Amino acid sequence: MPVIPSTKHSPSFPNPEDQPSNGHGPDSEQDFPPTLLEIRDLSSLGAKRFLQSIDPCTILTDAISTVFRLLNLHQESHPNVRSITLILRDFDGVAYTAGKDIDFEHKEIHFSTAYIESIAPERIKDEITGVLVHEMVHVWQWNGKQRCNGGLIEGIADWVRLEAGLAPPHWTQRCEGCEWDSGYEITGYFLDWLEERVRKGIVVKMNQNLREEYIEEEFWNELLDGETIKTLWAKYAESWEGDRRNKDLQPKGKPAKFAKELEASEDEKNNIPNGMV
């Protein structure tokens, strides 16, 4: 099973996983933990399409850079990570993130080659990149000492993907019977609305507050200055329905910030929700 290591040097991060880093994220790509690629079956069509569609030597560090930029992890604390291994293998589903049993600070992103094989040719580069950005959020985000609502964990990851301009065309803002914590893009779009209508930077603050144990009422009271999350969800639903009626708009992703960032640069084993997408 071939393993392609990163050629970039990175210092080790010796502190336990439940302790924050020294207060700030890496200052540059050279400070990121080592990234590795493991391919279980090089003959699989999914593996071949992956290698033909993206640069395996840079895709993980580019995803880390995007997560650090959007969650402000160069300035804020984050869990310690010693290494990140992307594992391409055949399994049902899309992808998930886990820590190794022997040392939880060594992270693994498992990505289904069967799913990669199923992606439409015109979508393959953006979809691979979007899935990896989502999973990379799970590597670096806090989880309320494993007590956080799983829908919020997944919503933060999809908010980062949305902000990076990597929302796929099938995403929708609402669904029948959905709630603020339905997770994934449903919660991601709601977080985007909170950023625009309540307070810029609220998602960064959410992530930092999740360093401590998640107690729902206390968590939202501090963030929302006394307003309830359910009240804001109702306001969001009203505003979105109003936009659709008045402008006949369908939900769309944001401009491709991730792609622009790349262009500019060139001139579930664990207790944390595993990020199945």
Protein backbone atom coordinates (compact mmCIF):
# COMPACT_ATOMS: atom_id res chain seq x y z
CA MET A 1 0.00 0.00 0.00
CA PRO A 2 1.86 3.07 -1.26
CA VAL A 3 2.31 6.02 1.04
CA ILE A 4 3.30 9.44 -0.29
CA PRO A 5 4.69 11.65 2.48
CA SER A 6 4.83 15.42 2.47
CA THR A 7 8.28 16.82 1.78
CA LYS A 8 7.73 19.72 4.17
CA HIS A 9 9.29 19.70 7.59
CA SER A 10 7.01 20.19 10.57
CA PRO A 11 7.74 20.35 14.28
CA SER A 12 6.05 17.84 16.53
CA PHE A 13 3.18 18.86 18.80
CA PRO A 14 3.74 17.00 22.08
CA ASN A 15 0.84 18.21 24.20
CA PRO A 16 -2.20 16.00 24.85
CA GLU A 17 -5.13 16.26 22.42
CA ASP A 18 -7.47 17.80 24.98
CA GLN A 19 -5.09 20.71 25.48
CA PRO A 20 -4.95 23.64 23.08
CA SER A 21 -1.89 24.57 21.09
CA ASN A 22 0.26 27.40 22.39
CA GLY A 23 -2.47 29.88 21.53
CA HIS A 24 -1.78 30.40 17.86
CA GLY A 25 -1.85 28.38 14.68
CA PRO A 26 1.15 27.72 12.45
CA ASP A 27 2.63 30.84 10.89
CA SER A 28 3.16 29.23 7.48
CA GLU A 29 2.80 25.99 5.56
CA GLN A 30 6.22 24.99 6.84
CA ASP A 31 4.70 24.83 10.33
CA PHE A 32 1.81 22.55 9.35
CA PRO A 33 2.03 18.94 10.54
CA PRO A 34 3.24 16.35 8.02
CA THR A 35 0.68 15.22 5.46
CA LEU A 36 0.66 11.74 3.93
CA LEU A 37 -1.30 9.94 1.23
CA GLU A 38 -2.10 6.23 1.49
CA ILE A 39 -3.76 4.45 -1.44
CA ARG A 40 -5.03 0.96 -0.69
CA ASP A 41 -5.61 -0.06 -4.32
CA LEU A 42 -3.79 1.85 -7.06
CA SER A 43 -5.69 -0.07 -9.72
CA SER A 44 -9.09 1.24 -8.60
CA LEU A 45 -10.78 3.71 -10.92
CA GLY A 46 -11.44 6.04 -8.00
CA ALA A 47 -7.73 6.21 -7.15
CA LYS A 48 -6.82 6.84 -10.77
CA ARG A 49 -9.39 9.63 -11.10
CA PHE A 50 -8.14 11.21 -7.87
CA LEU A 51 -4.53 11.27 -9.06
CA GLN A 52 -5.53 12.57 -12.49
CA SER A 53 -7.73 15.36 -11.14
CA ILE A 54 -5.73 17.05 -8.38
CA ASP A 55 -2.16 17.56 -7.18
CA PRO A 56 -1.72 15.01 -4.37
CA CYS A 57 1.36 16.83 -3.09
CA THR A 58 -0.51 20.05 -2.30
CA ILE A 59 -4.20 19.23 -1.85
CA LEU A 60 -3.97 18.63 1.91
CA THR A 61 -1.83 21.68 2.75
CA ASP A 62 -4.13 23.80 0.57
CA ALA A 63 -7.11 22.48 2.55
CA ILE A 64 -5.35 23.21 5.85
CA SER A 65 -4.63 26.76 4.68
CA THR A 66 -8.29 27.29 3.83
CA VAL A 67 -9.47 26.01 7.22
CA PHE A 68 -6.93 28.14 9.08
CA ARG A 69 -7.93 31.24 7.13
CA LEU A 70 -11.69 30.86 7.58
CA LEU A 71 -11.60 29.75 11.24
CA ASN A 72 -8.80 32.23 12.01
CA LEU A 73 -6.63 29.48 13.43
CA HIS A 74 -3.43 31.45 12.83
CA GLN A 75 -4.59 33.62 15.74
CA GLU A 76 -6.89 31.30 17.69
CA SER A 77 -6.28 28.02 19.50
CA HIS A 78 -6.82 24.60 17.97
CA PRO A 79 -6.31 20.95 18.96
CA ASN A 80 -2.82 19.58 18.57
CA VAL A 81 -2.22 17.56 15.43
CA ARG A 82 0.96 15.55 14.82
CA SER A 83 0.18 14.31 11.31
CA ILE A 84 -2.64 14.01 8.79
CA THR A 85 -2.97 10.97 6.53
CA LEU A 86 -5.42 10.85 3.64
CA ILE A 87 -6.45 7.23 3.03
CA LEU A 88 -8.12 6.31 -0.26
CA ARG A 89 -9.97 3.02 0.02
CA ASP A 90 -13.20 1.33 -1.00
CA PHE A 91 -16.10 1.64 1.44
CA ASP A 92 -19.74 2.73 1.47
CA GLY A 93 -20.32 6.42 2.04
CA VAL A 94 -18.17 9.42 1.19
CA ALA A 95 -15.54 10.28 3.81
CA TYR A 96 -14.85 10.48 7.53
CA THR A 97 -12.16 11.73 9.86
CA ALA A 98 -10.72 9.88 12.85
CA GLY A 99 -7.75 9.83 15.18
CA LYS A 100 -5.47 6.80 15.36
CA ASP A 101 -6.13 4.51 18.30
CA ILE A 102 -2.50 4.54 19.34
CA ASP A 103 -2.26 8.36 19.30
CA PHE A 104 -5.32 10.52 18.66
CA GLU A 105 -3.17 13.46 17.56
CA HIS A 106 -2.33 11.53 14.38
CA LYS A 107 -5.38 12.16 12.19
CA GLU A 108 -6.74 10.09 9.33
CA ILE A 109 -9.13 11.24 6.61
CA HIS A 110 -10.71 8.21 4.91
CA PHE A 111 -12.07 8.95 1.43
CA SER A 112 -14.10 6.40 -0.54
CA THR A 113 -12.69 5.49 -3.94
CA ALA A 114 -16.14 4.18 -4.87
CA TYR A 115 -17.56 7.64 -4.26
CA ILE A 116 -14.76 9.32 -6.23
CA GLU A 117 -15.52 6.95 -9.09
CA SER A 118 -19.17 8.10 -9.08
CA ILE A 119 -18.46 11.86 -9.35
CA ALA A 120 -19.41 13.49 -12.65
CA PRO A 121 -16.30 14.39 -14.70
CA GLU A 122 -17.08 18.11 -14.73
CA ARG A 123 -17.42 18.13 -10.92
CA ILE A 124 -14.59 15.87 -9.86
CA LYS A 125 -11.90 18.43 -8.96
CA ASP A 126 -14.27 20.72 -7.06
CA GLU A 127 -16.02 17.83 -5.30
CA ILE A 128 -12.79 16.19 -4.16
CA THR A 129 -11.52 19.56 -2.93
CA GLY A 130 -14.79 20.36 -1.18
CA VAL A 131 -14.97 17.02 0.61
CA LEU A 132 -11.37 17.35 1.79
CA VAL A 133 -11.93 20.90 3.07
CA HIS A 134 -14.98 19.66 5.01
CA GLU A 135 -13.01 16.79 6.53
CA MET A 136 -10.03 19.02 7.28
CA VAL A 137 -12.31 21.14 9.48
CA HIS A 138 -12.94 18.04 11.60
CA VAL A 139 -9.19 17.65 12.03
CA TRP A 140 -8.80 21.12 13.53
CA GLN A 141 -12.12 22.11 15.13
CA TRP A 142 -13.07 21.93 18.81
CA ASN A 143 -15.98 19.69 19.83
CA GLY A 144 -17.19 20.92 23.22
CA LYS A 145 -15.29 18.16 25.00
CA GLN A 146 -17.22 15.60 22.90
CA ARG A 147 -20.57 16.98 24.09
CA CYS A 148 -21.37 19.25 21.15
CA ASN A 149 -24.44 18.71 19.03
CA GLY A 150 -23.31 16.69 16.00
CA GLY A 151 -25.37 18.87 13.68
CA LEU A 152 -23.39 21.94 14.71
CA ILE A 153 -20.07 20.14 14.22
CA GLU A 154 -21.09 19.18 10.68
CA GLY A 155 -22.63 22.59 10.03
CA ILE A 156 -19.38 24.38 10.87
CA ALA A 157 -17.53 22.10 8.45
CA ASP A 158 -20.00 22.82 5.65
CA TRP A 159 -19.95 26.54 6.48
CA VAL A 160 -16.20 26.51 5.82
CA ARG A 161 -16.80 24.64 2.56
CA LEU A 162 -19.47 27.20 1.59
CA GLU A 163 -17.22 30.15 2.44
CA ALA A 164 -14.43 28.59 0.37
CA GLY A 165 -16.69 28.66 -2.70
CA LEU A 166 -16.95 24.88 -2.84
CA ALA A 167 -20.68 24.31 -2.28
CA PRO A 168 -21.91 21.65 -4.74
CA PRO A 169 -24.94 22.44 -6.93
CA HIS A 170 -27.23 19.99 -5.14
CA TRP A 171 -26.98 21.79 -1.77
CA THR A 172 -30.16 23.38 -0.43
CA GLN A 173 -30.77 25.84 2.38
CA ARG A 174 -33.93 24.28 3.73
CA CYS A 175 -35.75 20.94 3.84
CA GLU A 176 -39.14 19.79 5.08
CA GLY A 177 -39.05 19.53 8.86
CA CYS A 178 -35.41 20.56 9.18
CA GLU A 179 -34.06 22.39 12.23
CA TRP A 180 -31.04 24.57 12.96
CA ASP A 181 -29.08 21.49 14.02
CA SER A 182 -29.99 19.27 11.07
CA GLY A 183 -26.33 19.52 10.15
CA TYR A 184 -24.30 19.74 6.97
CA GLU A 185 -25.39 22.41 4.48
CA ILE A 186 -28.71 23.07 6.27
CA THR A 187 -26.84 24.26 9.35
CA GLY A 188 -24.00 25.68 7.23
CA TYR A 189 -26.30 28.10 5.41
CA PHE A 190 -27.88 29.08 8.72
CA LEU A 191 -24.44 29.86 10.16
CA ASP A 192 -23.76 31.97 7.07
CA TRP A 193 -26.96 33.92 7.80
CA LEU A 194 -25.87 34.42 11.43
CA GLU A 195 -22.57 35.81 10.13
CA GLU A 196 -24.40 38.33 7.95
CA ARG A 197 -27.36 39.24 10.17
CA VAL A 198 -26.15 38.76 13.76
CA ARG A 199 -22.38 39.23 14.00
CA LYS A 200 -19.41 38.83 11.71
CA GLY A 201 -16.98 36.29 13.12
CA ILE A 202 -19.62 34.41 15.10
CA VAL A 203 -18.57 31.03 13.65
CA VAL A 204 -14.95 31.58 14.68
CA LYS A 205 -16.23 32.45 18.16
CA MET A 206 -18.42 29.32 18.19
CA ASN A 207 -15.45 27.13 17.43
CA GLN A 208 -13.33 28.74 20.14
CA ASN A 209 -16.13 28.44 22.70
CA LEU A 210 -16.29 24.73 21.92
CA ARG A 211 -12.95 24.32 23.69
CA GLU A 212 -15.09 24.09 26.80
CA GLU A 213 -17.84 21.58 27.53
CA TYR A 214 -20.90 22.23 25.37
CA ILE A 215 -23.98 23.08 27.43
CA GLU A 216 -26.53 24.21 24.87
CA GLU A 217 -28.38 26.98 26.71
CA GLU A 218 -25.23 28.55 28.15
CA PHE A 219 -23.39 28.23 24.84
CA TRP A 220 -26.01 30.12 22.82
CA ASN A 221 -26.81 32.69 25.51
CA GLU A 222 -23.23 33.89 25.44
CA LEU A 223 -23.03 33.99 21.66
CA LEU A 224 -26.43 35.52 20.94
CA ASP A 225 -26.74 38.08 23.75
CA GLY A 226 -29.85 36.48 25.17
CA GLU A 227 -31.68 35.62 21.94
CA THR A 228 -32.50 31.95 21.53
CA ILE A 229 -31.20 29.86 18.67
CA LYS A 230 -34.74 28.69 17.88
CA THR A 231 -35.97 32.28 17.56
CA LEU A 232 -33.16 33.09 15.15
CA TRP A 233 -33.84 29.91 13.20
CA ALA A 234 -37.46 31.03 12.76
CA LYS A 235 -36.31 34.48 11.58
CA TYR A 236 -33.88 32.84 9.17
CA ALA A 237 -36.61 30.64 7.72
CA GLU A 238 -38.86 33.67 7.21
CA SER A 239 -36.10 35.69 5.53
CA TRP A 240 -35.11 32.86 3.22
CA GLU A 241 -38.67 32.16 2.15
CA GLY A 242 -39.14 35.88 1.58
CA ASP A 243 -36.06 36.06 -0.64
CA ARG A 244 -37.30 33.16 -2.72
CA ARG A 245 -40.77 34.66 -3.14
CA ASN A 246 -39.54 38.16 -3.96
CA LYS A 247 -36.52 37.33 -6.09
CA ASP A 248 -37.29 33.80 -7.29
CA LEU A 249 -33.81 32.78 -6.21
CA GLN A 250 -32.54 29.26 -5.63
CA PRO A 251 -29.78 28.77 -3.02
CA LYS A 252 -26.36 29.01 -4.60
CA GLY A 253 -22.80 28.66 -3.41
CA LYS A 254 -20.41 31.55 -2.93
CA PRO A 255 -17.60 32.58 -5.29
CA ALA A 256 -14.75 30.12 -5.47
CA LYS A 257 -12.48 31.61 -2.82
CA PHE A 258 -10.51 28.36 -2.57
CA ALA A 259 -9.75 28.38 -6.29
CA LYS A 260 -8.69 32.03 -6.13
CA GLU A 261 -6.46 31.25 -3.16
CA LEU A 262 -4.76 28.44 -5.12
CA GLU A 263 -4.32 30.67 -8.16
CA ALA A 264 -2.78 33.40 -6.04
CA SER A 265 -0.43 30.97 -4.36
CA GLU A 266 0.85 29.74 -7.72
CA ASP A 267 1.69 33.20 -9.44
CA GLU A 268 -15.54 6.77 12.68
CA LYS A 269 -13.30 5.33 15.28
CA ASN A 270 -13.22 8.22 17.66
CA ASN A 271 -15.76 9.86 19.90
CA ILE A 272 -15.82 13.09 17.94
CA PRO A 273 -18.53 13.07 15.26
CA ASN A 274 -16.79 11.51 12.28
CA GLY A 275 -17.88 13.91 9.58
CA MET A 276 -19.57 11.50 7.20
CA VAL A 277 -20.54 13.58 4.19
